[in-house]
Amino acid sequence: MQVLTIAIVVVHVIVSLALIILILLHAGRGGGLSDMFGGGMGPASSMGSTVVEKNLDRLTVGTAIVFTITTVALTFLFGS
């Protein structure tokens, strides 16, 4: 049981850091770090979300789901 707990905690810490980084990459009101990867260049910027922004959204949602699962698992393991 202790090995499982350590593994979940390690995954949770890695996913937490990844989630922080992914959220900071999202564009805010006036653009964000995602513009660095081509999010605000050319005619595609006037047509809505670019492929980079859509992929960033998908990665963020996937990471948030894994974060939620590890949070619930840790709650069950450490809950009294």
N, C-alpha and C. Protein backbone atom coordinates (compact mmCIF):
# COMPACT_ATOMS: atom_id res chain seq x y z
N MET A 1 0.82 -1.20 0.00
CA MET A 1 0.00 0.00 0.00
C MET A 1 0.86 1.26 0.00
N GLN A 2 2.00 1.18 0.64
CA GLN A 2 2.87 2.35 0.72
C GLN A 2 3.47 2.68 -0.65
N VAL A 3 3.77 1.68 -1.45
CA VAL A 3 4.33 1.92 -2.78
C VAL A 3 3.29 2.61 -3.67
N LEU A 4 2.05 2.18 -3.56
CA LEU A 4 0.97 2.80 -4.32
C LEU A 4 0.80 4.27 -3.93
N THR A 5 0.87 4.55 -2.64
CA THR A 5 0.73 5.92 -2.16
C THR A 5 1.86 6.80 -2.68
N ILE A 6 3.07 6.30 -2.62
CA ILE A 6 4.22 7.06 -3.12
C ILE A 6 4.09 7.31 -4.62
N ALA A 7 3.66 6.30 -5.36
CA ALA A 7 3.51 6.46 -6.81
C ALA A 7 2.45 7.50 -7.14
N ILE A 8 1.34 7.48 -6.42
CA ILE A 8 0.27 8.46 -6.68
C ILE A 8 0.72 9.87 -6.31
N VAL A 9 1.47 10.00 -5.23
CA VAL A 9 1.96 11.32 -4.82
C VAL A 9 2.94 11.86 -5.86
N VAL A 10 3.82 11.02 -6.38
CA VAL A 10 4.78 11.46 -7.40
C VAL A 10 4.05 11.90 -8.66
N VAL A 11 3.07 11.11 -9.10
CA VAL A 11 2.29 11.48 -10.29
C VAL A 11 1.52 12.77 -10.03
N HIS A 12 0.99 12.92 -8.84
CA HIS A 12 0.22 14.12 -8.49
C HIS A 12 1.10 15.37 -8.53
N VAL A 13 2.31 15.29 -8.03
CA VAL A 13 3.21 16.44 -8.05
C VAL A 13 3.60 16.81 -9.48
N ILE A 14 3.90 15.81 -10.29
CA ILE A 14 4.27 16.07 -11.69
C ILE A 14 3.11 16.68 -12.45
N VAL A 15 1.91 16.13 -12.25
CA VAL A 15 0.73 16.66 -12.94
C VAL A 15 0.40 18.07 -12.45
N SER A 16 0.61 18.34 -11.17
CA SER A 16 0.36 19.68 -10.63
C SER A 16 1.26 20.71 -11.29
N LEU A 17 2.54 20.39 -11.42
CA LEU A 17 3.47 21.31 -12.07
C LEU A 17 3.13 21.50 -13.55
N ALA A 18 2.76 20.40 -14.21
CA ALA A 18 2.38 20.50 -15.62
C ALA A 18 1.13 21.35 -15.79
N LEU A 19 0.18 21.21 -14.88
CA LEU A 19 -1.05 21.99 -14.96
C LEU A 19 -0.77 23.48 -14.77
N ILE A 20 0.12 23.81 -13.87
CA ILE A 20 0.50 25.22 -13.67
C ILE A 20 1.11 25.79 -14.94
N ILE A 21 2.01 25.05 -15.54
CA ILE A 21 2.68 25.52 -16.76
C ILE A 21 1.68 25.66 -17.90
N LEU A 22 0.81 24.68 -18.06
CA LEU A 22 -0.17 24.74 -19.15
C LEU A 22 -1.14 25.89 -18.98
N ILE A 23 -1.56 26.15 -17.77
CA ILE A 23 -2.48 27.27 -17.54
C ILE A 23 -1.79 28.60 -17.83
N LEU A 24 -0.52 28.71 -17.47
CA LEU A 24 0.21 29.96 -17.75
C LEU A 24 0.45 30.17 -19.24
N LEU A 25 0.43 29.10 -20.02
CA LEU A 25 0.63 29.23 -21.46
C LEU A 25 -0.62 29.75 -22.18
N HIS A 26 -1.77 29.66 -21.56
CA HIS A 26 -3.00 30.10 -22.21
C HIS A 26 -3.00 31.61 -22.41
N ALA A 27 -3.67 32.01 -23.48
CA ALA A 27 -3.77 33.44 -23.80
C ALA A 27 -4.78 34.09 -22.87
N GLY A 28 -4.43 35.26 -22.39
CA GLY A 28 -5.35 36.04 -21.57
C GLY A 28 -6.13 37.00 -22.44
N ARG A 29 -6.44 38.14 -21.90
CA ARG A 29 -7.19 39.15 -22.66
C ARG A 29 -6.40 39.65 -23.86
N GLY A 30 -5.18 40.08 -23.62
CA GLY A 30 -4.40 40.68 -24.68
C GLY A 30 -3.39 39.74 -25.29
N GLY A 31 -3.59 38.46 -25.19
CA GLY A 31 -2.63 37.50 -25.69
C GLY A 31 -1.82 36.96 -24.54
N GLY A 32 -1.17 35.86 -24.75
CA GLY A 32 -0.40 35.23 -23.69
C GLY A 32 0.84 34.59 -24.24
N LEU A 33 1.36 33.67 -23.50
CA LEU A 33 2.56 32.99 -23.95
C LEU A 33 2.29 32.09 -25.14
N SER A 34 1.02 31.75 -25.38
CA SER A 34 0.72 30.91 -26.54
C SER A 34 0.96 31.67 -27.85
N ASP A 35 0.99 33.00 -27.80
CA ASP A 35 1.33 33.78 -28.99
C ASP A 35 2.76 33.53 -29.44
N MET A 36 3.58 33.10 -28.53
CA MET A 36 4.97 32.82 -28.84
C MET A 36 5.07 31.66 -29.85
N PHE A 37 4.08 30.77 -29.84
CA PHE A 37 4.10 29.61 -30.71
C PHE A 37 3.24 29.80 -31.95
N GLY A 38 2.94 31.02 -32.30
CA GLY A 38 2.20 31.29 -33.52
C GLY A 38 0.72 31.53 -33.31
N GLY A 39 0.29 31.79 -32.10
CA GLY A 39 -1.12 31.97 -31.82
C GLY A 39 -1.67 33.30 -32.30
N GLY A 40 -0.85 34.30 -32.53
CA GLY A 40 -1.36 35.61 -32.89
C GLY A 40 -0.83 36.13 -34.21
N MET A 41 -0.43 35.25 -35.10
CA MET A 41 0.19 35.70 -36.34
C MET A 41 -0.69 35.35 -37.53
N GLY A 42 -0.71 36.21 -38.51
CA GLY A 42 -1.36 35.92 -39.77
C GLY A 42 -2.87 35.98 -39.73
N PRO A 43 -3.48 35.53 -40.82
CA PRO A 43 -4.93 35.61 -40.93
C PRO A 43 -5.66 34.62 -40.01
N ALA A 44 -4.98 33.63 -39.52
CA ALA A 44 -5.63 32.63 -38.66
C ALA A 44 -6.04 33.23 -37.32
N SER A 45 -5.37 34.32 -36.91
CA SER A 45 -5.69 34.92 -35.61
C SER A 45 -7.05 35.61 -35.63
N SER A 46 -7.50 36.04 -36.79
CA SER A 46 -8.80 36.69 -36.85
C SER A 46 -9.94 35.69 -37.01
N MET A 47 -9.63 34.43 -37.26
CA MET A 47 -10.65 33.43 -37.49
C MET A 47 -10.95 32.60 -36.24
N GLY A 48 -10.40 32.95 -35.10
CA GLY A 48 -10.68 32.21 -33.88
C GLY A 48 -9.46 31.45 -33.39
N SER A 49 -9.72 30.32 -32.77
CA SER A 49 -8.65 29.54 -32.17
C SER A 49 -7.78 28.89 -33.23
N THR A 50 -6.50 28.86 -32.97
CA THR A 50 -5.57 28.19 -33.86
C THR A 50 -5.39 26.75 -33.40
N VAL A 51 -4.66 25.99 -34.18
CA VAL A 51 -4.41 24.59 -33.85
C VAL A 51 -3.60 24.50 -32.57
N VAL A 52 -2.67 25.41 -32.37
CA VAL A 52 -1.86 25.39 -31.16
C VAL A 52 -2.74 25.62 -29.93
N GLU A 53 -3.66 26.56 -30.02
CA GLU A 53 -4.54 26.84 -28.88
C GLU A 53 -5.47 25.67 -28.60
N LYS A 54 -5.97 25.02 -29.65
CA LYS A 54 -6.85 23.86 -29.45
C LYS A 54 -6.09 22.71 -28.80
N ASN A 55 -4.86 22.48 -29.27
CA ASN A 55 -4.06 21.41 -28.66
C ASN A 55 -3.69 21.75 -27.22
N LEU A 56 -3.43 23.01 -26.96
CA LEU A 56 -3.13 23.44 -25.59
C LEU A 56 -4.34 23.24 -24.69
N ASP A 57 -5.53 23.52 -25.22
CA ASP A 57 -6.76 23.27 -24.46
C ASP A 57 -6.93 21.79 -24.16
N ARG A 58 -6.69 20.94 -25.14
CA ARG A 58 -6.82 19.49 -24.95
C ARG A 58 -5.83 18.99 -23.91
N LEU A 59 -4.60 19.45 -23.99
CA LEU A 59 -3.59 19.04 -23.01
C LEU A 59 -3.96 19.50 -21.60
N THR A 60 -4.47 20.71 -21.50
CA THR A 60 -4.86 21.24 -20.19
C THR A 60 -6.02 20.45 -19.60
N VAL A 61 -7.02 20.13 -20.41
CA VAL A 61 -8.16 19.36 -19.92
C VAL A 61 -7.73 17.95 -19.51
N GLY A 62 -6.88 17.32 -20.31
CA GLY A 62 -6.39 15.99 -19.96
C GLY A 62 -5.59 15.99 -18.67
N THR A 63 -4.76 16.99 -18.51
CA THR A 63 -3.97 17.12 -17.29
C THR A 63 -4.86 17.39 -16.08
N ALA A 64 -5.89 18.20 -16.28
CA ALA A 64 -6.82 18.49 -15.18
C ALA A 64 -7.60 17.24 -14.77
N ILE A 65 -7.94 16.38 -15.72
CA ILE A 65 -8.63 15.13 -15.40
C ILE A 65 -7.73 14.21 -14.60
N VAL A 66 -6.48 14.08 -15.01
CA VAL A 66 -5.52 13.25 -14.25
C VAL A 66 -5.31 13.83 -12.86
N PHE A 67 -5.24 15.15 -12.75
CA PHE A 67 -5.09 15.81 -11.45
C PHE A 67 -6.27 15.49 -10.54
N THR A 68 -7.48 15.54 -11.11
CA THR A 68 -8.68 15.23 -10.33
C THR A 68 -8.68 13.78 -9.86
N ILE A 69 -8.29 12.87 -10.73
CA ILE A 69 -8.26 11.45 -10.37
C ILE A 69 -7.24 11.19 -9.26
N THR A 70 -6.06 11.79 -9.37
CA THR A 70 -5.05 11.57 -8.33
C THR A 70 -5.46 12.23 -7.02
N THR A 71 -6.15 13.37 -7.10
CA THR A 71 -6.64 14.02 -5.88
C THR A 71 -7.65 13.14 -5.16
N VAL A 72 -8.59 12.57 -5.91
CA VAL A 72 -9.60 11.69 -5.31
C VAL A 72 -8.94 10.43 -4.75
N ALA A 73 -7.98 9.88 -5.47
CA ALA A 73 -7.28 8.68 -4.98
C ALA A 73 -6.53 8.96 -3.69
N LEU A 74 -5.87 10.10 -3.61
CA LEU A 74 -5.15 10.46 -2.38
C LEU A 74 -6.12 10.71 -1.24
N THR A 75 -7.28 11.27 -1.55
CA THR A 75 -8.29 11.49 -0.51
C THR A 75 -8.77 10.16 0.08
N PHE A 76 -8.98 9.18 -0.78
CA PHE A 76 -9.41 7.87 -0.30
C PHE A 76 -8.30 7.15 0.48
N LEU A 77 -7.05 7.35 0.04
CA LEU A 77 -5.93 6.67 0.72
C LEU A 77 -5.65 7.29 2.09
N PHE A 78 -5.73 8.62 2.18
CA PHE A 78 -5.41 9.29 3.45
C PHE A 78 -6.63 9.64 4.28
N GLY A 79 -7.83 9.41 3.74
CA GLY A 79 -9.04 9.75 4.47
C GLY A 79 -9.22 8.84 5.68
N SER A 80 -9.86 9.38 6.67
CA SER A 80 -10.04 8.57 7.88
C SER A 80 -11.42 7.99 7.99
